[in-house]
Amino acid sequence: MCSRRVGIESLPDEILGRIFQKLPVEERGLLAPVSRQFQRVAEDPYYWLYMTVVSCKGSTQQVCRVLRRASFLRWLEIQDRSDANDLLACVAKHARNLNSLTMLRCRGYPGQKRPSLKAELVCRVLRRCGRLRRLVSEGHLLLGRKVVQEILSRVLSRALKSGTVDWTVV
């Protein structure tokens, strides 16, 4: 009987990549220096199909740096961030292949008391991310007729699936 130790490093890159996809951005960054294999998987854009950015972990610059490299990004969830407007600007610029964007309880800028998003940035995301089919935003104040018009035109043209937009006024 042979007793051989098997560690996580023995997993193929494809399986490690799937594991990495489920981790928040900050934790992926912490795992990258563990080994050459982890570094390779952490930097491979293919494994950045899904991304979750939670609370104050990771600076705005760090998250935007990841977004610039994540050309394959399809699904993005942002929760409890105080820099949501900065992240939206970065999403509009770099995440053109995005299919789903979820924003939960985010503040537009640090120090802002009421959670609100800039209407101009939401419109820019809707215009530039042509593949966006699902948009969820909860717990935000969103001011502006332009956003409502943009969302309605996307829903009516079936570019945005009906029933996926939930703007809650706080």
N, C-alpha and C. Protein backbone atom coordinates (compact mmCIF):
# COMPACT_ATOMS: atom_id res chain seq x y z
N MET A 1 0.83 -1.17 0.00
CA MET A 1 0.00 0.00 0.00
C MET A 1 0.88 1.24 0.00
N CYS A 2 0.62 2.11 -0.91
CA CYS A 2 1.43 3.31 -1.08
C CYS A 2 0.72 4.50 -0.46
N SER A 3 1.40 5.19 0.43
CA SER A 3 0.79 6.38 1.03
C SER A 3 1.51 7.61 0.50
N ARG A 4 0.86 8.27 -0.40
CA ARG A 4 1.44 9.45 -1.03
C ARG A 4 0.59 10.66 -0.65
N ARG A 5 1.25 11.74 -0.23
CA ARG A 5 0.52 12.96 0.13
C ARG A 5 0.05 13.67 -1.12
N VAL A 6 -1.18 14.03 -1.09
CA VAL A 6 -1.76 14.76 -2.20
C VAL A 6 -2.23 16.12 -1.68
N GLY A 7 -1.72 17.18 -2.26
CA GLY A 7 -2.09 18.52 -1.83
C GLY A 7 -2.87 19.26 -2.91
N ILE A 8 -3.25 20.46 -2.57
CA ILE A 8 -4.03 21.26 -3.52
C ILE A 8 -3.21 21.59 -4.77
N GLU A 9 -1.89 21.62 -4.63
CA GLU A 9 -1.02 21.90 -5.77
C GLU A 9 -1.08 20.81 -6.83
N SER A 10 -1.58 19.64 -6.46
CA SER A 10 -1.67 18.55 -7.43
C SER A 10 -2.91 18.68 -8.33
N LEU A 11 -3.79 19.60 -8.00
CA LEU A 11 -4.98 19.82 -8.83
C LEU A 11 -4.58 20.48 -10.14
N PRO A 12 -5.28 20.15 -11.21
CA PRO A 12 -4.99 20.83 -12.48
C PRO A 12 -5.43 22.30 -12.43
N ASP A 13 -4.83 23.12 -13.30
CA ASP A 13 -5.15 24.55 -13.34
C ASP A 13 -6.64 24.82 -13.53
N GLU A 14 -7.30 23.98 -14.30
CA GLU A 14 -8.73 24.19 -14.58
C GLU A 14 -9.56 24.11 -13.29
N ILE A 15 -9.25 23.16 -12.44
CA ILE A 15 -9.99 23.02 -11.19
C ILE A 15 -9.62 24.14 -10.22
N LEU A 16 -8.34 24.46 -10.13
CA LEU A 16 -7.93 25.58 -9.28
C LEU A 16 -8.59 26.87 -9.76
N GLY A 17 -8.68 27.05 -11.06
CA GLY A 17 -9.32 28.24 -11.63
C GLY A 17 -10.77 28.34 -11.22
N ARG A 18 -11.48 27.21 -11.22
CA ARG A 18 -12.88 27.20 -10.78
C ARG A 18 -12.99 27.57 -9.30
N ILE A 19 -12.07 27.11 -8.51
CA ILE A 19 -12.06 27.45 -7.08
C ILE A 19 -11.79 28.95 -6.93
N PHE A 20 -10.79 29.46 -7.66
CA PHE A 20 -10.45 30.88 -7.59
C PHE A 20 -11.62 31.75 -8.01
N GLN A 21 -12.41 31.30 -8.98
CA GLN A 21 -13.55 32.09 -9.46
C GLN A 21 -14.55 32.38 -8.35
N LYS A 22 -14.67 31.49 -7.39
CA LYS A 22 -15.65 31.65 -6.32
C LYS A 22 -15.15 32.55 -5.19
N LEU A 23 -13.88 32.91 -5.22
CA LEU A 23 -13.30 33.72 -4.14
C LEU A 23 -13.43 35.21 -4.45
N PRO A 24 -13.58 36.04 -3.41
CA PRO A 24 -13.55 37.49 -3.63
C PRO A 24 -12.18 37.93 -4.16
N VAL A 25 -12.16 39.08 -4.80
CA VAL A 25 -10.94 39.61 -5.43
C VAL A 25 -9.77 39.66 -4.46
N GLU A 26 -10.03 40.14 -3.24
CA GLU A 26 -8.97 40.31 -2.27
C GLU A 26 -8.30 38.98 -1.92
N GLU A 27 -9.11 37.93 -1.79
CA GLU A 27 -8.57 36.62 -1.42
C GLU A 27 -7.79 36.00 -2.58
N ARG A 28 -8.21 36.26 -3.79
CA ARG A 28 -7.44 35.78 -4.94
C ARG A 28 -6.05 36.40 -4.93
N GLY A 29 -6.02 37.69 -4.62
CA GLY A 29 -4.73 38.38 -4.56
C GLY A 29 -3.83 37.85 -3.47
N LEU A 30 -4.42 37.42 -2.36
CA LEU A 30 -3.63 36.86 -1.27
C LEU A 30 -3.08 35.48 -1.61
N LEU A 31 -3.80 34.73 -2.42
CA LEU A 31 -3.37 33.37 -2.77
C LEU A 31 -2.33 33.34 -3.88
N ALA A 32 -2.29 34.36 -4.71
CA ALA A 32 -1.39 34.37 -5.86
C ALA A 32 0.08 34.11 -5.50
N PRO A 33 0.62 34.71 -4.45
CA PRO A 33 2.05 34.49 -4.16
C PRO A 33 2.39 33.12 -3.54
N VAL A 34 1.40 32.28 -3.28
CA VAL A 34 1.64 31.00 -2.61
C VAL A 34 2.53 30.09 -3.44
N SER A 35 2.27 30.01 -4.72
CA SER A 35 3.08 29.16 -5.59
C SER A 35 3.02 29.68 -7.02
N ARG A 36 3.89 29.16 -7.86
CA ARG A 36 3.89 29.56 -9.28
C ARG A 36 2.57 29.18 -9.94
N GLN A 37 2.05 28.02 -9.59
CA GLN A 37 0.79 27.57 -10.16
C GLN A 37 -0.35 28.51 -9.76
N PHE A 38 -0.39 28.89 -8.49
CA PHE A 38 -1.43 29.81 -8.02
C PHE A 38 -1.30 31.17 -8.73
N GLN A 39 -0.07 31.62 -8.90
CA GLN A 39 0.18 32.90 -9.59
C GLN A 39 -0.33 32.83 -11.02
N ARG A 40 -0.02 31.74 -11.70
CA ARG A 40 -0.45 31.55 -13.09
C ARG A 40 -1.98 31.55 -13.19
N VAL A 41 -2.63 30.82 -12.31
CA VAL A 41 -4.09 30.73 -12.33
C VAL A 41 -4.71 32.08 -11.94
N ALA A 42 -4.15 32.74 -10.93
CA ALA A 42 -4.69 34.02 -10.46
C ALA A 42 -4.61 35.10 -11.53
N GLU A 43 -3.62 35.02 -12.41
CA GLU A 43 -3.44 36.05 -13.43
C GLU A 43 -4.06 35.69 -14.77
N ASP A 44 -4.57 34.49 -14.92
CA ASP A 44 -5.17 34.08 -16.18
C ASP A 44 -6.55 34.74 -16.34
N PRO A 45 -6.75 35.58 -17.38
CA PRO A 45 -8.03 36.29 -17.53
C PRO A 45 -9.22 35.35 -17.69
N TYR A 46 -9.00 34.15 -18.16
CA TYR A 46 -10.11 33.21 -18.36
C TYR A 46 -10.81 32.89 -17.04
N TYR A 47 -10.06 32.89 -15.95
CA TYR A 47 -10.63 32.54 -14.66
C TYR A 47 -11.26 33.75 -13.95
N TRP A 48 -11.38 34.85 -14.65
CA TRP A 48 -12.02 36.04 -14.11
C TRP A 48 -13.39 36.23 -14.76
N LEU A 49 -14.10 35.15 -15.03
CA LEU A 49 -15.46 35.24 -15.56
C LEU A 49 -16.41 35.79 -14.52
N TYR A 50 -16.18 35.44 -13.25
CA TYR A 50 -17.02 35.84 -12.13
C TYR A 50 -16.17 36.62 -11.15
N MET A 51 -16.73 37.70 -10.63
CA MET A 51 -15.96 38.50 -9.70
C MET A 51 -16.90 39.09 -8.65
N THR A 52 -16.51 38.97 -7.39
CA THR A 52 -17.27 39.54 -6.29
C THR A 52 -16.36 40.51 -5.55
N VAL A 53 -16.84 41.73 -5.38
CA VAL A 53 -16.09 42.75 -4.65
C VAL A 53 -16.95 43.12 -3.44
N VAL A 54 -16.44 42.82 -2.24
CA VAL A 54 -17.23 42.96 -1.02
C VAL A 54 -16.60 43.96 -0.07
N SER A 55 -17.42 44.77 0.55
CA SER A 55 -17.09 45.74 1.60
C SER A 55 -15.83 46.54 1.28
N CYS A 56 -15.09 46.88 2.30
CA CYS A 56 -13.95 47.79 2.09
C CYS A 56 -12.65 47.05 1.81
N LYS A 57 -12.70 45.75 1.61
CA LYS A 57 -11.48 45.01 1.31
C LYS A 57 -11.01 45.36 -0.09
N GLY A 58 -9.76 45.62 -0.24
CA GLY A 58 -9.22 45.97 -1.54
C GLY A 58 -9.51 47.42 -1.89
N SER A 59 -8.47 48.14 -2.26
CA SER A 59 -8.64 49.55 -2.60
C SER A 59 -9.31 49.68 -3.97
N THR A 60 -9.79 50.87 -4.24
CA THR A 60 -10.40 51.15 -5.54
C THR A 60 -9.40 50.88 -6.65
N GLN A 61 -8.16 51.30 -6.46
CA GLN A 61 -7.13 51.11 -7.48
C GLN A 61 -6.87 49.62 -7.72
N GLN A 62 -6.85 48.83 -6.66
CA GLN A 62 -6.62 47.40 -6.79
C GLN A 62 -7.74 46.74 -7.59
N VAL A 63 -8.99 47.08 -7.29
CA VAL A 63 -10.13 46.50 -7.99
C VAL A 63 -10.12 46.94 -9.45
N CYS A 64 -9.84 48.21 -9.71
CA CYS A 64 -9.79 48.70 -11.10
C CYS A 64 -8.65 48.05 -11.88
N ARG A 65 -7.55 47.79 -11.22
CA ARG A 65 -6.43 47.10 -11.88
C ARG A 65 -6.86 45.71 -12.33
N VAL A 66 -7.61 45.03 -11.48
CA VAL A 66 -8.12 43.70 -11.82
C VAL A 66 -9.13 43.81 -12.97
N LEU A 67 -10.02 44.80 -12.91
CA LEU A 67 -11.02 44.98 -13.96
C LEU A 67 -10.37 45.24 -15.33
N ARG A 68 -9.26 45.97 -15.33
CA ARG A 68 -8.56 46.23 -16.59
C ARG A 68 -8.06 44.95 -17.24
N ARG A 69 -7.65 44.00 -16.41
CA ARG A 69 -7.12 42.73 -16.93
C ARG A 69 -8.21 41.70 -17.21
N ALA A 70 -9.38 41.87 -16.65
CA ALA A 70 -10.43 40.86 -16.71
C ALA A 70 -11.27 41.00 -17.99
N SER A 71 -10.66 40.77 -19.12
CA SER A 71 -11.36 40.95 -20.40
C SER A 71 -12.48 39.93 -20.60
N PHE A 72 -12.42 38.81 -19.91
CA PHE A 72 -13.44 37.78 -20.04
C PHE A 72 -14.58 37.95 -19.03
N LEU A 73 -14.52 38.97 -18.18
CA LEU A 73 -15.49 39.13 -17.09
C LEU A 73 -16.92 39.16 -17.61
N ARG A 74 -17.75 38.27 -17.06
CA ARG A 74 -19.16 38.17 -17.46
C ARG A 74 -20.13 38.54 -16.34
N TRP A 75 -19.71 38.30 -15.10
CA TRP A 75 -20.61 38.47 -13.96
C TRP A 75 -19.87 39.22 -12.87
N LEU A 76 -20.43 40.34 -12.43
CA LEU A 76 -19.78 41.15 -11.40
C LEU A 76 -20.79 41.49 -10.32
N GLU A 77 -20.39 41.26 -9.08
CA GLU A 77 -21.22 41.63 -7.93
C GLU A 77 -20.42 42.54 -7.03
N ILE A 78 -20.99 43.69 -6.71
CA ILE A 78 -20.34 44.67 -5.84
C ILE A 78 -21.26 44.88 -4.64
N GLN A 79 -20.71 44.68 -3.43
CA GLN A 79 -21.52 44.79 -2.20
C GLN A 79 -20.85 45.71 -1.19
N ASP A 80 -21.66 46.54 -0.58
CA ASP A 80 -21.24 47.34 0.57
C ASP A 80 -19.95 48.12 0.32
N ARG A 81 -19.81 48.70 -0.86
CA ARG A 81 -18.61 49.50 -1.18
C ARG A 81 -18.93 50.98 -1.09
N SER A 82 -17.96 51.75 -0.63
CA SER A 82 -18.15 53.20 -0.55
C SER A 82 -17.61 53.91 -1.79
N ASP A 83 -17.09 53.16 -2.74
CA ASP A 83 -16.50 53.75 -3.95
C ASP A 83 -17.22 53.25 -5.21
N ALA A 84 -18.52 53.03 -5.09
CA ALA A 84 -19.29 52.43 -6.18
C ALA A 84 -19.23 53.23 -7.47
N ASN A 85 -19.27 54.56 -7.38
CA ASN A 85 -19.23 55.37 -8.59
C ASN A 85 -17.89 55.22 -9.32
N ASP A 86 -16.80 55.17 -8.57
CA ASP A 86 -15.49 54.96 -9.19
C ASP A 86 -15.42 53.59 -9.86
N LEU A 87 -15.99 52.59 -9.20
CA LEU A 87 -15.99 51.25 -9.77
C LEU A 87 -16.88 51.17 -11.01
N LEU A 88 -18.02 51.88 -10.99
CA LEU A 88 -18.89 51.92 -12.17
C LEU A 88 -18.16 52.53 -13.36
N ALA A 89 -17.41 53.59 -13.12
CA ALA A 89 -16.64 54.22 -14.21
C ALA A 89 -15.63 53.23 -14.79
N CYS A 90 -14.99 52.48 -13.92
CA CYS A 90 -14.02 51.47 -14.36
C CYS A 90 -14.71 50.33 -15.12
N VAL A 91 -15.88 49.92 -14.66
CA VAL A 91 -16.65 48.86 -15.33
C VAL A 91 -17.02 49.32 -16.74
N ALA A 92 -17.51 50.54 -16.85
CA ALA A 92 -17.93 51.06 -18.16
C ALA A 92 -16.74 51.11 -19.13
N LYS A 93 -15.58 51.36 -18.62
CA LYS A 93 -14.39 51.50 -19.47
C LYS A 93 -13.78 50.16 -19.86
N HIS A 94 -13.80 49.18 -18.95
CA HIS A 94 -13.01 47.97 -19.18
C HIS A 94 -13.81 46.67 -19.28
N ALA A 95 -15.03 46.64 -18.79
CA ALA A 95 -15.77 45.36 -18.74
C ALA A 95 -16.86 45.32 -19.81
N ARG A 96 -16.46 45.41 -21.04
CA ARG A 96 -17.41 45.50 -22.15
C ARG A 96 -18.21 44.22 -22.38
N ASN A 97 -17.71 43.08 -21.93
CA ASN A 97 -18.37 41.79 -22.15
C ASN A 97 -19.27 41.36 -21.00
N LEU A 98 -19.55 42.26 -20.09
CA LEU A 98 -20.33 41.95 -18.89
C LEU A 98 -21.76 41.55 -19.24
N ASN A 99 -22.23 40.44 -18.67
CA ASN A 99 -23.61 39.98 -18.84
C ASN A 99 -24.49 40.33 -17.65
N SER A 100 -23.90 40.38 -16.45
CA SER A 100 -24.68 40.59 -15.24
C SER A 100 -23.92 41.52 -14.29
N LEU A 101 -24.63 42.54 -13.80
CA LEU A 101 -24.05 43.46 -12.83
C LEU A 101 -25.01 43.58 -11.65
N THR A 102 -24.51 43.26 -10.45
CA THR A 102 -25.30 43.36 -9.23
C THR A 102 -24.60 44.33 -8.29
N MET A 103 -25.35 45.32 -7.80
CA MET A 103 -24.81 46.28 -6.85
C MET A 103 -25.73 46.33 -5.64
N LEU A 104 -25.20 45.97 -4.48
CA LEU A 104 -26.01 45.90 -3.27
C LEU A 104 -25.45 46.83 -2.19
N ARG A 105 -26.28 47.71 -1.70
CA ARG A 105 -25.96 48.59 -0.57
C ARG A 105 -24.63 49.31 -0.73
N CYS A 106 -24.40 49.90 -1.88
CA CYS A 106 -23.15 50.62 -2.12
C CYS A 106 -23.36 52.12 -1.99
N ARG A 107 -22.35 52.80 -1.50
CA ARG A 107 -22.36 54.26 -1.47
C ARG A 107 -21.55 54.73 -2.67
N GLY A 108 -21.95 55.87 -3.20
CA GLY A 108 -21.28 56.40 -4.38
C GLY A 108 -19.84 56.77 -4.11
N TYR A 109 -19.61 57.51 -3.01
CA TYR A 109 -18.27 57.97 -2.68
C TYR A 109 -18.04 57.83 -1.18
N PRO A 110 -16.78 57.69 -0.76
CA PRO A 110 -16.49 57.60 0.68
C PRO A 110 -17.03 58.83 1.42
N GLY A 111 -17.63 58.61 2.57
CA GLY A 111 -18.15 59.69 3.38
C GLY A 111 -19.57 60.11 3.02
N GLN A 112 -20.09 59.60 1.93
CA GLN A 112 -21.44 59.93 1.52
C GLN A 112 -22.43 59.25 2.46
N LYS A 113 -23.39 60.01 2.98
CA LYS A 113 -24.30 59.45 3.97
C LYS A 113 -25.38 58.57 3.34
N ARG A 114 -25.99 59.03 2.25
CA ARG A 114 -27.06 58.26 1.61
C ARG A 114 -26.49 57.47 0.46
N PRO A 115 -26.83 56.21 0.37
CA PRO A 115 -26.33 55.42 -0.75
C PRO A 115 -26.96 55.88 -2.06
N SER A 116 -26.16 56.42 -2.94
CA SER A 116 -26.68 56.85 -4.24
C SER A 116 -25.61 56.64 -5.31
N LEU A 117 -26.09 56.40 -6.50
CA LEU A 117 -25.21 56.18 -7.63
C LEU A 117 -25.40 57.30 -8.64
N LYS A 118 -24.33 57.67 -9.32
CA LYS A 118 -24.42 58.70 -10.33
C LYS A 118 -25.16 58.17 -11.54
N ALA A 119 -26.24 58.86 -11.91
CA ALA A 119 -27.06 58.43 -13.04
C ALA A 119 -26.24 58.37 -14.32
N GLU A 120 -25.35 59.32 -14.51
CA GLU A 120 -24.51 59.37 -15.71
C GLU A 120 -23.65 58.11 -15.85
N LEU A 121 -23.12 57.62 -14.73
CA LEU A 121 -22.27 56.43 -14.77
C LEU A 121 -23.08 55.17 -15.05
N VAL A 122 -24.28 55.09 -14.49
CA VAL A 122 -25.14 53.93 -14.75
C VAL A 122 -25.51 53.90 -16.24
N CYS A 123 -25.84 55.07 -16.80
CA CYS A 123 -26.15 55.15 -18.23
C CYS A 123 -24.95 54.75 -19.08
N ARG A 124 -23.76 55.18 -18.67
CA ARG A 124 -22.55 54.82 -19.42
C ARG A 124 -22.33 53.31 -19.41
N VAL A 125 -22.55 52.67 -18.26
CA VAL A 125 -22.42 51.21 -18.18
C VAL A 125 -23.42 50.55 -19.11
N LEU A 126 -24.67 51.03 -19.08
CA LEU A 126 -25.71 50.44 -19.93
C LEU A 126 -25.38 50.59 -21.42
N ARG A 127 -24.82 51.73 -21.81
CA ARG A 127 -24.49 51.95 -23.22
C ARG A 127 -23.26 51.17 -23.66
N ARG A 128 -22.24 51.12 -22.83
CA ARG A 128 -20.97 50.51 -23.24
C ARG A 128 -20.92 49.01 -23.07
N CYS A 129 -21.69 48.48 -22.15
CA CYS A 129 -21.71 47.03 -21.93
C CYS A 129 -22.88 46.46 -22.72
N GLY A 130 -22.67 46.27 -24.01
CA GLY A 130 -23.73 45.85 -24.91
C GLY A 130 -24.31 44.47 -24.62
N ARG A 131 -23.56 43.64 -23.93
CA ARG A 131 -24.03 42.28 -23.61
C ARG A 131 -24.75 42.19 -22.27
N LEU A 132 -24.89 43.31 -21.58
CA LEU A 132 -25.51 43.31 -20.26
C LEU A 132 -26.98 42.90 -20.37
N ARG A 133 -27.32 41.81 -19.71
CA ARG A 133 -28.69 41.29 -19.75
C ARG A 133 -29.37 41.32 -18.39
N ARG A 134 -28.58 41.50 -17.35
CA ARG A 134 -29.13 41.48 -16.00
C ARG A 134 -28.49 42.60 -15.20
N LEU A 135 -29.34 43.44 -14.62
CA LEU A 135 -28.87 44.55 -13.81
C LEU A 135 -29.69 44.58 -12.53
N VAL A 136 -29.02 44.42 -11.39
CA VAL A 136 -29.71 44.45 -10.10
C VAL A 136 -29.02 45.48 -9.23
N SER A 137 -29.80 46.36 -8.67
CA SER A 137 -29.27 47.34 -7.75
C SER A 137 -30.27 47.51 -6.61
N GLU A 138 -29.84 47.25 -5.41
CA GLU A 138 -30.73 47.34 -4.25
C GLU A 138 -30.11 48.25 -3.20
N GLY A 139 -30.98 49.07 -2.61
CA GLY A 139 -30.54 49.92 -1.51
C GLY A 139 -29.86 51.19 -1.95
N HIS A 140 -30.20 51.70 -3.17
CA HIS A 140 -29.58 52.93 -3.67
C HIS A 140 -30.64 53.96 -4.01
N LEU A 141 -30.26 55.20 -3.87
CA LEU A 141 -31.07 56.29 -4.38
C LEU A 141 -30.50 56.63 -5.75
N LEU A 142 -31.34 56.60 -6.74
CA LEU A 142 -30.88 56.88 -8.10
C LEU A 142 -31.69 58.04 -8.64
N LEU A 143 -31.04 59.15 -8.89
CA LEU A 143 -31.72 60.34 -9.36
C LEU A 143 -31.51 60.49 -10.86
N GLY A 144 -32.55 60.91 -11.54
CA GLY A 144 -32.40 61.22 -12.95
C GLY A 144 -33.33 60.45 -13.85
N ARG A 145 -33.98 61.20 -14.75
CA ARG A 145 -34.88 60.59 -15.72
C ARG A 145 -34.11 59.80 -16.77
N LYS A 146 -32.89 60.23 -17.05
CA LYS A 146 -32.10 59.60 -18.12
C LYS A 146 -31.88 58.12 -17.83
N VAL A 147 -31.61 57.79 -16.59
CA VAL A 147 -31.37 56.39 -16.23
C VAL A 147 -32.63 55.56 -16.44
N VAL A 148 -33.75 56.09 -15.99
CA VAL A 148 -35.01 55.37 -16.16
C VAL A 148 -35.30 55.18 -17.64
N GLN A 149 -35.09 56.22 -18.43
CA GLN A 149 -35.30 56.11 -19.88
C GLN A 149 -34.37 55.09 -20.51
N GLU A 150 -33.11 55.10 -20.11
CA GLU A 150 -32.13 54.16 -20.65
C GLU A 150 -32.50 52.72 -20.30
N ILE A 151 -32.90 52.50 -19.06
CA ILE A 151 -33.29 51.16 -18.63
C ILE A 151 -34.54 50.71 -19.37
N LEU A 152 -35.54 51.60 -19.47
CA LEU A 152 -36.77 51.25 -20.18
C LEU A 152 -36.51 50.94 -21.65
N SER A 153 -35.66 51.72 -22.28
CA SER A 153 -35.36 51.45 -23.70
C SER A 153 -34.65 50.12 -23.86
N ARG A 154 -33.78 49.77 -22.91
CA ARG A 154 -33.10 48.48 -22.97
C ARG A 154 -34.07 47.33 -22.73
N VAL A 155 -35.02 47.52 -21.80
CA VAL A 155 -36.01 46.48 -21.52
C VAL A 155 -36.93 46.31 -22.73
N LEU A 156 -37.40 47.43 -23.30
CA LEU A 156 -38.31 47.37 -24.44
C LEU A 156 -37.65 46.77 -25.68
N SER A 157 -36.36 47.03 -25.86
CA SER A 157 -35.66 46.47 -27.01
C SER A 157 -35.19 45.03 -26.74
N ARG A 158 -35.50 44.55 -25.55
CA ARG A 158 -35.14 43.21 -25.10
C ARG A 158 -33.63 43.00 -24.96
N ALA A 159 -32.90 44.09 -24.92
CA ALA A 159 -31.46 44.00 -24.66
C ALA A 159 -31.23 43.69 -23.18
N LEU A 160 -32.15 44.16 -22.35
CA LEU A 160 -32.08 43.89 -20.91
C LEU A 160 -33.33 43.09 -20.57
N LYS A 161 -33.16 41.94 -19.98
CA LYS A 161 -34.31 41.09 -19.68
C LYS A 161 -35.23 41.77 -18.68
N SER A 162 -36.49 41.70 -18.94
CA SER A 162 -37.49 42.33 -18.09
C SER A 162 -37.48 41.69 -16.69
N GLY A 163 -37.71 42.50 -15.69
CA GLY A 163 -37.83 41.98 -14.32
C GLY A 163 -36.51 41.80 -13.61
N THR A 164 -35.41 42.24 -14.20
CA THR A 164 -34.12 42.06 -13.54
C THR A 164 -33.60 43.36 -12.94
N VAL A 165 -34.31 44.45 -13.16
CA VAL A 165 -33.87 45.72 -12.64
C VAL A 165 -34.66 46.04 -11.38
N ASP A 166 -33.97 46.24 -10.27
CA ASP A 166 -34.64 46.51 -9.00
C ASP A 166 -33.96 47.71 -8.34
N TRP A 167 -34.41 48.90 -8.68
CA TRP A 167 -33.86 50.10 -8.07
C TRP A 167 -34.71 50.44 -6.86
N THR A 168 -34.16 50.33 -5.70
CA THR A 168 -34.88 50.60 -4.47
C THR A 168 -34.50 51.99 -3.98
N VAL A 169 -35.47 52.82 -3.77
CA VAL A 169 -35.20 54.15 -3.27
C VAL A 169 -35.09 54.08 -1.76
N VAL A 170 -34.01 54.59 -1.23
CA VAL A 170 -33.78 54.57 0.21
C VAL A 170 -34.32 55.83 0.83
